[in-house]
Amino acid sequence: GPYLATLQFLNNDTGVAITASMISCAISEGGLSTEKFPVWQVVSTDGGQVWKAVGSALPKPLVSSYANAEMVFSSLDSGWVEAAGGLAYTSDGGEHWKLVHLGGVVTALQPDGNDVAALVDLSSARGGAAVWILSPMGVSRGETSRIPSGFVIGQMAVVPRTGELVIALPVGT
């Protein structure tokens, strides 16, 4: 049956979610088969009482990791989704998604109601990590902060409008 993967409320009444379905069935004596269906977006405009399916499936490169997808919306039309380190953007409520490349693996998204901060692991390219600020129009405003290679982070938060980092270091560092 369906299950909820990600949920975000834009205000007291309006929320968006990514859901997905998985069906397991017996194919032979003692054998099971599992079929996964792509994720889709659902919207509630009454505080979560009723949800309505909208939009379309996510881009194919992201679908395989939908269970760990992270989605942030600035409005019902403009939103970002991260799955398996990939990033996609929609400006039409999920009808179409465009893959976005920020030079590394996207590991976290954080909205502030307008902009979205994206934490990008650059270890495969230049090393370290960076924070990019993403506008509601789908345009990245550039790399705003760098974290050097080998820098150990316990936990991190990002201030979306500025890209400033708040870092908690592990004990003993």
N, C-alpha and C. Protein backbone atom coordinates (compact mmCIF):
# COMPACT_ATOMS: atom_id res chain seq x y z
N GLY A 1 0.81 -1.18 0.00
CA GLY A 1 0.00 0.00 0.00
C GLY A 1 0.86 1.25 0.00
N PRO A 2 0.24 2.42 -0.15
CA PRO A 2 1.00 3.68 -0.18
C PRO A 2 1.59 4.02 1.17
N TYR A 3 2.70 4.73 1.15
CA TYR A 3 3.27 5.23 2.39
C TYR A 3 3.85 6.60 2.14
N LEU A 4 3.93 7.40 3.20
CA LEU A 4 4.41 8.77 3.10
C LEU A 4 5.91 8.80 3.20
N ALA A 5 6.56 9.46 2.26
CA ALA A 5 8.01 9.55 2.29
C ALA A 5 8.48 10.90 2.82
N THR A 6 7.82 11.99 2.43
CA THR A 6 8.23 13.33 2.83
C THR A 6 7.00 14.22 2.93
N LEU A 7 6.98 15.13 3.91
CA LEU A 7 5.84 16.02 4.12
C LEU A 7 6.34 17.40 4.49
N GLN A 8 5.74 18.43 3.91
CA GLN A 8 6.08 19.81 4.25
C GLN A 8 4.82 20.66 4.22
N PHE A 9 4.61 21.49 5.24
CA PHE A 9 3.50 22.43 5.25
C PHE A 9 4.02 23.82 4.92
N LEU A 10 3.38 24.47 3.94
CA LEU A 10 3.75 25.82 3.54
C LEU A 10 3.12 26.86 4.45
N ASN A 11 1.94 26.55 4.99
CA ASN A 11 1.26 27.41 5.96
C ASN A 11 0.33 26.51 6.77
N ASN A 12 -0.56 27.10 7.56
CA ASN A 12 -1.43 26.29 8.42
C ASN A 12 -2.36 25.36 7.65
N ASP A 13 -2.68 25.71 6.41
CA ASP A 13 -3.64 24.93 5.65
C ASP A 13 -3.04 24.09 4.54
N THR A 14 -1.96 24.56 3.94
CA THR A 14 -1.46 23.94 2.72
C THR A 14 -0.19 23.13 2.96
N GLY A 15 -0.24 21.86 2.57
CA GLY A 15 0.92 20.99 2.70
C GLY A 15 1.15 20.21 1.42
N VAL A 16 2.39 19.81 1.18
CA VAL A 16 2.74 18.99 0.03
C VAL A 16 3.48 17.76 0.53
N ALA A 17 3.38 16.67 -0.21
CA ALA A 17 4.01 15.42 0.21
C ALA A 17 4.46 14.63 -1.00
N ILE A 18 5.44 13.76 -0.78
CA ILE A 18 5.81 12.76 -1.77
C ILE A 18 5.35 11.42 -1.21
N THR A 19 4.64 10.65 -2.01
CA THR A 19 4.23 9.31 -1.59
C THR A 19 4.71 8.30 -2.62
N ALA A 20 4.65 7.06 -2.23
CA ALA A 20 5.06 5.99 -3.14
C ALA A 20 4.31 4.72 -2.78
N SER A 21 4.28 3.76 -3.67
CA SER A 21 3.62 2.49 -3.41
C SER A 21 4.56 1.33 -3.69
N MET A 22 4.38 0.26 -2.94
CA MET A 22 5.14 -0.95 -3.16
C MET A 22 4.18 -2.12 -2.98
N ILE A 23 4.18 -3.04 -3.93
CA ILE A 23 3.32 -4.21 -3.84
C ILE A 23 4.20 -5.45 -3.79
N SER A 24 3.99 -6.30 -2.79
CA SER A 24 4.68 -7.58 -2.71
C SER A 24 3.67 -8.68 -2.98
N CYS A 25 4.04 -9.63 -3.82
CA CYS A 25 3.12 -10.72 -4.11
C CYS A 25 3.90 -12.02 -4.31
N ALA A 26 3.24 -13.12 -4.07
CA ALA A 26 3.87 -14.43 -4.27
C ALA A 26 3.88 -14.76 -5.76
N ILE A 27 5.04 -15.21 -6.26
CA ILE A 27 5.13 -15.57 -7.68
C ILE A 27 5.23 -17.08 -7.88
N SER A 28 5.65 -17.79 -6.84
CA SER A 28 5.69 -19.24 -6.90
C SER A 28 5.74 -19.74 -5.46
N GLU A 29 5.77 -21.03 -5.32
CA GLU A 29 5.81 -21.59 -3.97
C GLU A 29 7.06 -21.11 -3.24
N GLY A 30 6.85 -20.35 -2.18
CA GLY A 30 7.97 -19.84 -1.39
C GLY A 30 8.68 -18.63 -1.99
N GLY A 31 8.23 -18.13 -3.14
CA GLY A 31 8.90 -16.99 -3.76
C GLY A 31 8.06 -15.73 -3.68
N LEU A 32 8.72 -14.61 -3.52
CA LEU A 32 8.02 -13.33 -3.45
C LEU A 32 8.56 -12.39 -4.52
N SER A 33 7.71 -11.52 -5.00
CA SER A 33 8.11 -10.50 -5.95
C SER A 33 7.67 -9.15 -5.41
N THR A 34 8.48 -8.15 -5.58
CA THR A 34 8.14 -6.81 -5.13
C THR A 34 8.15 -5.87 -6.32
N GLU A 35 7.12 -5.07 -6.44
CA GLU A 35 7.05 -4.09 -7.51
C GLU A 35 6.91 -2.71 -6.89
N LYS A 36 7.81 -1.80 -7.27
CA LYS A 36 7.77 -0.45 -6.74
C LYS A 36 7.20 0.49 -7.80
N PHE A 37 6.38 1.41 -7.35
CA PHE A 37 5.79 2.39 -8.25
C PHE A 37 6.44 3.75 -8.00
N PRO A 38 6.55 4.57 -9.06
CA PRO A 38 7.19 5.88 -8.89
C PRO A 38 6.45 6.75 -7.87
N VAL A 39 7.18 7.68 -7.31
CA VAL A 39 6.57 8.61 -6.37
C VAL A 39 5.74 9.64 -7.10
N TRP A 40 4.82 10.26 -6.39
CA TRP A 40 4.05 11.35 -6.94
C TRP A 40 3.80 12.36 -5.83
N GLN A 41 3.35 13.54 -6.22
CA GLN A 41 3.12 14.61 -5.26
C GLN A 41 1.66 14.67 -4.89
N VAL A 42 1.36 14.87 -3.62
CA VAL A 42 -0.01 15.10 -3.17
C VAL A 42 -0.05 16.42 -2.40
N VAL A 43 -1.20 17.07 -2.43
CA VAL A 43 -1.36 18.38 -1.80
C VAL A 43 -2.60 18.37 -0.93
N SER A 44 -2.51 19.02 0.23
CA SER A 44 -3.66 19.26 1.09
C SER A 44 -3.81 20.77 1.25
N THR A 45 -5.04 21.25 1.17
CA THR A 45 -5.29 22.67 1.40
C THR A 45 -6.19 22.88 2.62
N ASP A 46 -6.38 21.83 3.41
CA ASP A 46 -7.25 21.96 4.59
C ASP A 46 -6.57 21.41 5.84
N GLY A 47 -5.27 21.64 5.93
CA GLY A 47 -4.55 21.22 7.13
C GLY A 47 -4.28 19.74 7.23
N GLY A 48 -4.39 19.02 6.13
CA GLY A 48 -4.09 17.59 6.14
C GLY A 48 -5.30 16.69 6.27
N GLN A 49 -6.51 17.24 6.26
CA GLN A 49 -7.71 16.42 6.33
C GLN A 49 -7.90 15.60 5.06
N VAL A 50 -7.74 16.27 3.91
CA VAL A 50 -7.92 15.62 2.61
C VAL A 50 -6.69 15.90 1.77
N TRP A 51 -6.19 14.86 1.07
CA TRP A 51 -5.01 14.99 0.21
C TRP A 51 -5.42 14.66 -1.22
N LYS A 52 -4.90 15.43 -2.18
CA LYS A 52 -5.22 15.24 -3.59
C LYS A 52 -3.92 15.04 -4.37
N ALA A 53 -3.88 14.01 -5.22
CA ALA A 53 -2.70 13.75 -6.04
C ALA A 53 -2.59 14.81 -7.13
N VAL A 54 -1.40 15.37 -7.30
CA VAL A 54 -1.14 16.36 -8.34
C VAL A 54 0.21 16.06 -8.95
N GLY A 55 0.58 16.80 -9.97
CA GLY A 55 1.91 16.67 -10.54
C GLY A 55 2.12 15.33 -11.24
N SER A 56 3.37 14.96 -11.36
CA SER A 56 3.72 13.74 -12.07
C SER A 56 4.83 13.02 -11.31
N ALA A 57 5.27 11.90 -11.85
CA ALA A 57 6.37 11.17 -11.21
C ALA A 57 7.64 12.00 -11.26
N LEU A 58 8.53 11.73 -10.33
CA LEU A 58 9.81 12.43 -10.30
C LEU A 58 10.68 11.99 -11.47
N PRO A 59 11.76 12.74 -11.76
CA PRO A 59 12.65 12.33 -12.85
C PRO A 59 13.18 10.93 -12.62
N LYS A 60 13.32 10.14 -13.68
CA LYS A 60 13.74 8.74 -13.56
C LYS A 60 15.03 8.55 -12.78
N PRO A 61 16.05 9.42 -12.92
CA PRO A 61 17.28 9.20 -12.14
C PRO A 61 17.07 9.28 -10.63
N LEU A 62 15.99 9.92 -10.19
CA LEU A 62 15.75 10.05 -8.75
C LEU A 62 14.80 8.99 -8.20
N VAL A 63 14.02 8.37 -9.06
CA VAL A 63 12.95 7.48 -8.60
C VAL A 63 13.47 6.29 -7.82
N SER A 64 14.63 5.75 -8.18
CA SER A 64 15.11 4.54 -7.52
C SER A 64 15.38 4.76 -6.04
N SER A 65 15.53 5.99 -5.61
CA SER A 65 15.83 6.28 -4.20
C SER A 65 14.71 7.05 -3.53
N TYR A 66 13.49 6.89 -3.98
CA TYR A 66 12.41 7.73 -3.46
C TYR A 66 12.16 7.57 -1.97
N ALA A 67 12.54 6.43 -1.40
CA ALA A 67 12.28 6.22 0.03
C ALA A 67 13.07 7.22 0.88
N ASN A 68 14.18 7.72 0.35
CA ASN A 68 14.99 8.68 1.10
C ASN A 68 14.91 10.08 0.50
N ALA A 69 13.89 10.35 -0.31
CA ALA A 69 13.77 11.65 -0.96
C ALA A 69 13.49 12.75 0.05
N GLU A 70 14.03 13.92 -0.23
CA GLU A 70 13.78 15.11 0.58
C GLU A 70 13.22 16.17 -0.35
N MET A 71 12.09 16.76 0.02
CA MET A 71 11.43 17.72 -0.85
C MET A 71 11.19 19.01 -0.10
N VAL A 72 11.42 20.15 -0.76
CA VAL A 72 11.10 21.45 -0.17
C VAL A 72 10.40 22.29 -1.23
N PHE A 73 9.34 22.97 -0.83
CA PHE A 73 8.58 23.81 -1.73
C PHE A 73 8.54 25.23 -1.19
N SER A 74 8.67 26.23 -2.09
CA SER A 74 8.50 27.63 -1.72
C SER A 74 7.05 28.04 -1.92
N SER A 75 6.36 27.35 -2.81
CA SER A 75 4.94 27.55 -3.09
C SER A 75 4.43 26.25 -3.67
N LEU A 76 3.15 26.19 -4.01
CA LEU A 76 2.64 24.97 -4.61
C LEU A 76 3.21 24.73 -6.00
N ASP A 77 3.78 25.77 -6.61
CA ASP A 77 4.35 25.63 -7.95
C ASP A 77 5.84 25.35 -7.94
N SER A 78 6.59 26.03 -7.09
CA SER A 78 8.05 25.98 -7.11
C SER A 78 8.59 25.08 -6.02
N GLY A 79 9.40 24.09 -6.40
CA GLY A 79 9.95 23.19 -5.40
C GLY A 79 11.18 22.46 -5.88
N TRP A 80 11.88 21.88 -4.92
CA TRP A 80 13.11 21.13 -5.15
C TRP A 80 12.97 19.76 -4.50
N VAL A 81 13.60 18.76 -5.10
CA VAL A 81 13.63 17.44 -4.48
C VAL A 81 15.03 16.87 -4.63
N GLU A 82 15.49 16.24 -3.54
CA GLU A 82 16.81 15.59 -3.53
C GLU A 82 16.58 14.11 -3.25
N ALA A 83 17.23 13.26 -4.03
CA ALA A 83 17.17 11.82 -3.80
C ALA A 83 18.47 11.21 -4.32
N ALA A 84 19.10 10.40 -3.51
CA ALA A 84 20.35 9.72 -3.87
C ALA A 84 21.42 10.70 -4.34
N GLY A 85 21.42 11.90 -3.76
CA GLY A 85 22.43 12.89 -4.11
C GLY A 85 22.12 13.70 -5.34
N GLY A 86 21.04 13.35 -6.04
CA GLY A 86 20.62 14.11 -7.21
C GLY A 86 19.64 15.20 -6.80
N LEU A 87 19.49 16.21 -7.64
CA LEU A 87 18.62 17.34 -7.33
C LEU A 87 17.77 17.66 -8.55
N ALA A 88 16.48 17.94 -8.33
CA ALA A 88 15.59 18.33 -9.42
C ALA A 88 14.73 19.50 -8.96
N TYR A 89 14.25 20.29 -9.94
CA TYR A 89 13.46 21.49 -9.67
C TYR A 89 12.20 21.47 -10.51
N THR A 90 11.08 21.95 -9.92
CA THR A 90 9.84 22.12 -10.68
C THR A 90 9.34 23.55 -10.48
N SER A 91 8.77 24.12 -11.53
CA SER A 91 8.16 25.45 -11.43
C SER A 91 6.68 25.39 -11.77
N ASP A 92 6.17 24.16 -11.97
CA ASP A 92 4.76 24.02 -12.34
C ASP A 92 4.05 22.98 -11.47
N GLY A 93 4.41 22.96 -10.20
CA GLY A 93 3.72 22.08 -9.26
C GLY A 93 4.00 20.61 -9.45
N GLY A 94 5.09 20.27 -10.10
CA GLY A 94 5.47 18.87 -10.24
C GLY A 94 5.09 18.24 -11.56
N GLU A 95 4.48 19.00 -12.47
CA GLU A 95 4.16 18.44 -13.79
C GLU A 95 5.44 18.09 -14.55
N HIS A 96 6.45 18.93 -14.43
CA HIS A 96 7.73 18.70 -15.09
C HIS A 96 8.84 18.95 -14.09
N TRP A 97 9.90 18.16 -14.17
CA TRP A 97 11.06 18.30 -13.28
C TRP A 97 12.31 18.44 -14.12
N LYS A 98 13.21 19.32 -13.69
CA LYS A 98 14.47 19.53 -14.38
C LYS A 98 15.61 19.14 -13.43
N LEU A 99 16.50 18.27 -13.90
CA LEU A 99 17.65 17.90 -13.08
C LEU A 99 18.61 19.08 -12.99
N VAL A 100 19.18 19.29 -11.79
CA VAL A 100 20.10 20.40 -11.54
C VAL A 100 21.41 19.81 -11.05
N HIS A 101 22.53 20.29 -11.57
CA HIS A 101 23.85 19.79 -11.18
C HIS A 101 24.62 20.90 -10.48
N LEU A 102 25.08 20.63 -9.26
CA LEU A 102 25.80 21.63 -8.47
C LEU A 102 27.25 21.25 -8.24
N GLY A 103 27.79 20.33 -9.02
CA GLY A 103 29.20 19.99 -8.92
C GLY A 103 29.55 18.98 -7.86
N GLY A 104 28.57 18.32 -7.29
CA GLY A 104 28.81 17.31 -6.27
C GLY A 104 27.51 16.62 -5.90
N VAL A 105 27.54 15.90 -4.78
CA VAL A 105 26.39 15.15 -4.31
C VAL A 105 25.62 16.01 -3.31
N VAL A 106 24.34 16.26 -3.56
CA VAL A 106 23.51 17.04 -2.65
C VAL A 106 23.14 16.16 -1.46
N THR A 107 23.47 16.62 -0.26
CA THR A 107 23.22 15.81 0.94
C THR A 107 22.12 16.36 1.82
N ALA A 108 21.71 17.64 1.64
CA ALA A 108 20.65 18.21 2.47
C ALA A 108 20.07 19.44 1.80
N LEU A 109 18.78 19.66 2.05
CA LEU A 109 18.09 20.86 1.60
C LEU A 109 17.45 21.52 2.80
N GLN A 110 17.45 22.86 2.82
CA GLN A 110 16.80 23.56 3.92
C GLN A 110 16.11 24.81 3.39
N PRO A 111 14.75 24.88 3.49
CA PRO A 111 14.03 26.04 3.00
C PRO A 111 13.87 27.11 4.07
N ASP A 112 13.59 28.34 3.64
CA ASP A 112 13.25 29.40 4.59
C ASP A 112 11.95 30.09 4.19
N GLY A 113 11.16 29.47 3.31
CA GLY A 113 9.92 30.06 2.86
C GLY A 113 10.07 30.78 1.53
N ASN A 114 11.29 30.99 1.09
CA ASN A 114 11.54 31.63 -0.19
C ASN A 114 12.69 30.92 -0.90
N ASP A 115 13.88 31.05 -0.35
CA ASP A 115 15.05 30.40 -0.91
C ASP A 115 15.25 29.02 -0.29
N VAL A 116 16.13 28.24 -0.92
CA VAL A 116 16.50 26.93 -0.39
C VAL A 116 18.01 26.85 -0.37
N ALA A 117 18.56 26.41 0.76
CA ALA A 117 20.00 26.17 0.84
C ALA A 117 20.24 24.69 0.57
N ALA A 118 21.23 24.39 -0.25
CA ALA A 118 21.58 23.01 -0.58
C ALA A 118 23.01 22.75 -0.14
N LEU A 119 23.21 21.72 0.69
CA LEU A 119 24.54 21.31 1.10
C LEU A 119 25.04 20.30 0.07
N VAL A 120 26.23 20.57 -0.50
CA VAL A 120 26.77 19.74 -1.57
C VAL A 120 28.12 19.18 -1.15
N ASP A 121 28.24 17.85 -1.20
CA ASP A 121 29.50 17.17 -0.91
C ASP A 121 30.35 17.20 -2.16
N LEU A 122 31.52 17.84 -2.08
CA LEU A 122 32.40 17.99 -3.23
C LEU A 122 33.55 16.99 -3.22
N SER A 123 33.49 15.97 -2.37
CA SER A 123 34.62 15.07 -2.19
C SER A 123 35.03 14.38 -3.48
N SER A 124 34.11 14.12 -4.37
CA SER A 124 34.47 13.45 -5.62
C SER A 124 35.14 14.41 -6.60
N ALA A 125 34.97 15.70 -6.39
CA ALA A 125 35.56 16.68 -7.30
C ALA A 125 36.73 17.40 -6.64
N ARG A 126 36.44 18.44 -5.87
CA ARG A 126 37.49 19.28 -5.28
C ARG A 126 37.76 18.95 -3.83
N GLY A 127 36.91 18.18 -3.22
CA GLY A 127 37.06 17.88 -1.80
C GLY A 127 36.29 18.88 -0.96
N GLY A 128 35.92 18.47 0.24
CA GLY A 128 35.17 19.34 1.13
C GLY A 128 33.70 19.37 0.77
N ALA A 129 33.05 20.46 1.16
CA ALA A 129 31.62 20.63 0.89
C ALA A 129 31.35 22.11 0.64
N ALA A 130 30.19 22.39 0.08
CA ALA A 130 29.80 23.77 -0.20
C ALA A 130 28.31 23.91 0.02
N VAL A 131 27.88 25.16 0.25
CA VAL A 131 26.46 25.48 0.36
C VAL A 131 26.09 26.37 -0.82
N TRP A 132 25.03 25.99 -1.52
CA TRP A 132 24.51 26.79 -2.62
C TRP A 132 23.15 27.33 -2.22
N ILE A 133 22.85 28.57 -2.61
CA ILE A 133 21.53 29.15 -2.38
C ILE A 133 20.73 29.03 -3.67
N LEU A 134 19.54 28.44 -3.58
CA LEU A 134 18.69 28.19 -4.73
C LEU A 134 17.46 29.08 -4.65
N SER A 135 17.17 29.82 -5.71
CA SER A 135 16.04 30.74 -5.69
C SER A 135 14.76 30.03 -6.10
N PRO A 136 13.59 30.62 -5.82
CA PRO A 136 12.34 30.01 -6.25
C PRO A 136 12.22 29.90 -7.77
N MET A 137 13.04 30.62 -8.50
CA MET A 137 13.01 30.56 -9.96
C MET A 137 13.85 29.41 -10.50
N GLY A 138 14.48 28.64 -9.61
CA GLY A 138 15.26 27.49 -10.04
C GLY A 138 16.70 27.80 -10.38
N VAL A 139 17.13 29.01 -10.10
CA VAL A 139 18.49 29.41 -10.44
C VAL A 139 19.35 29.39 -9.18
N SER A 140 20.47 28.69 -9.25
CA SER A 140 21.37 28.72 -8.11
C SER A 140 22.12 30.04 -8.12
N ARG A 141 22.28 30.63 -6.94
CA ARG A 141 22.95 31.92 -6.85
C ARG A 141 24.43 31.79 -6.57
N GLY A 142 24.92 30.60 -6.66
CA GLY A 142 26.36 30.42 -6.50
C GLY A 142 26.74 29.82 -5.17
N GLU A 143 27.94 29.32 -5.15
CA GLU A 143 28.51 28.71 -3.96
C GLU A 143 28.79 29.81 -2.95
N THR A 144 28.24 29.68 -1.74
CA THR A 144 28.37 30.75 -0.76
C THR A 144 29.31 30.42 0.37
N SER A 145 29.50 29.15 0.68
CA SER A 145 30.37 28.75 1.78
C SER A 145 31.11 27.48 1.40
N ARG A 146 32.35 27.36 1.85
CA ARG A 146 33.14 26.15 1.62
C ARG A 146 33.55 25.55 2.95
N ILE A 147 33.52 24.23 3.02
CA ILE A 147 34.01 23.50 4.18
C ILE A 147 35.22 22.71 3.70
N PRO A 148 36.39 22.92 4.29
CA PRO A 148 37.61 22.26 3.79
C PRO A 148 37.52 20.74 3.86
N SER A 149 38.30 20.08 3.00
CA SER A 149 38.41 18.62 3.03
C SER A 149 38.91 18.16 4.39
N GLY A 150 38.40 17.02 4.85
CA GLY A 150 38.86 16.44 6.10
C GLY A 150 38.26 17.09 7.34
N PHE A 151 37.43 18.10 7.16
CA PHE A 151 36.80 18.77 8.30
C PHE A 151 35.64 17.92 8.77
N VAL A 152 35.67 17.46 10.02
CA VAL A 152 34.65 16.55 10.54
C VAL A 152 33.50 17.37 11.12
N ILE A 153 32.29 17.08 10.66
CA ILE A 153 31.11 17.80 11.11
C ILE A 153 30.22 16.84 11.89
N GLY A 154 29.82 17.25 13.11
CA GLY A 154 28.88 16.46 13.88
C GLY A 154 27.48 16.65 13.34
N GLN A 155 27.00 17.90 13.38
CA GLN A 155 25.71 18.27 12.80
C GLN A 155 25.85 19.64 12.19
N MET A 156 25.00 19.95 11.22
CA MET A 156 25.11 21.22 10.55
C MET A 156 23.74 21.76 10.19
N ALA A 157 23.59 23.06 10.27
CA ALA A 157 22.39 23.75 9.80
C ALA A 157 22.85 24.86 8.86
N VAL A 158 21.97 25.26 7.96
CA VAL A 158 22.29 26.29 6.99
C VAL A 158 21.26 27.39 7.09
N VAL A 159 21.70 28.65 7.04
CA VAL A 159 20.79 29.79 6.97
C VAL A 159 20.56 30.04 5.48
N PRO A 160 19.36 29.71 4.95
CA PRO A 160 19.16 29.74 3.50
C PRO A 160 19.44 31.08 2.84
N ARG A 161 18.99 32.19 3.36
CA ARG A 161 19.15 33.48 2.68
C ARG A 161 20.61 33.89 2.55
N THR A 162 21.44 33.49 3.49
CA THR A 162 22.84 33.92 3.47
C THR A 162 23.81 32.80 3.16
N GLY A 163 23.40 31.55 3.37
CA GLY A 163 24.31 30.43 3.17
C GLY A 163 25.27 30.23 4.33
N GLU A 164 25.07 30.98 5.42
CA GLU A 164 25.94 30.81 6.59
C GLU A 164 25.73 29.44 7.21
N LEU A 165 26.80 28.87 7.71
CA LEU A 165 26.76 27.55 8.31
C LEU A 165 26.80 27.65 9.83
N VAL A 166 26.02 26.81 10.47
CA VAL A 166 26.08 26.62 11.92
C VAL A 166 26.51 25.18 12.11
N ILE A 167 27.73 24.98 12.65
CA ILE A 167 28.32 23.65 12.71
C ILE A 167 28.50 23.21 14.14
N ALA A 168 28.12 21.96 14.42
CA ALA A 168 28.39 21.35 15.72
C ALA A 168 29.50 20.33 15.50
N LEU A 169 30.60 20.51 16.23
CA LEU A 169 31.74 19.61 16.09
C LEU A 169 31.59 18.44 17.05
N PRO A 170 32.07 17.26 16.67
CA PRO A 170 32.04 16.11 17.58
C PRO A 170 32.90 16.41 18.81
N VAL A 171 32.55 15.81 19.94
CA VAL A 171 33.30 16.00 21.17
C VAL A 171 34.74 15.51 20.97
N GLY A 172 35.71 16.28 21.44
CA GLY A 172 37.10 15.88 21.36
C GLY A 172 37.84 16.44 20.16
N THR A 173 37.16 17.26 19.32
CA THR A 173 37.85 17.84 18.16
C THR A 173 38.20 19.29 18.43
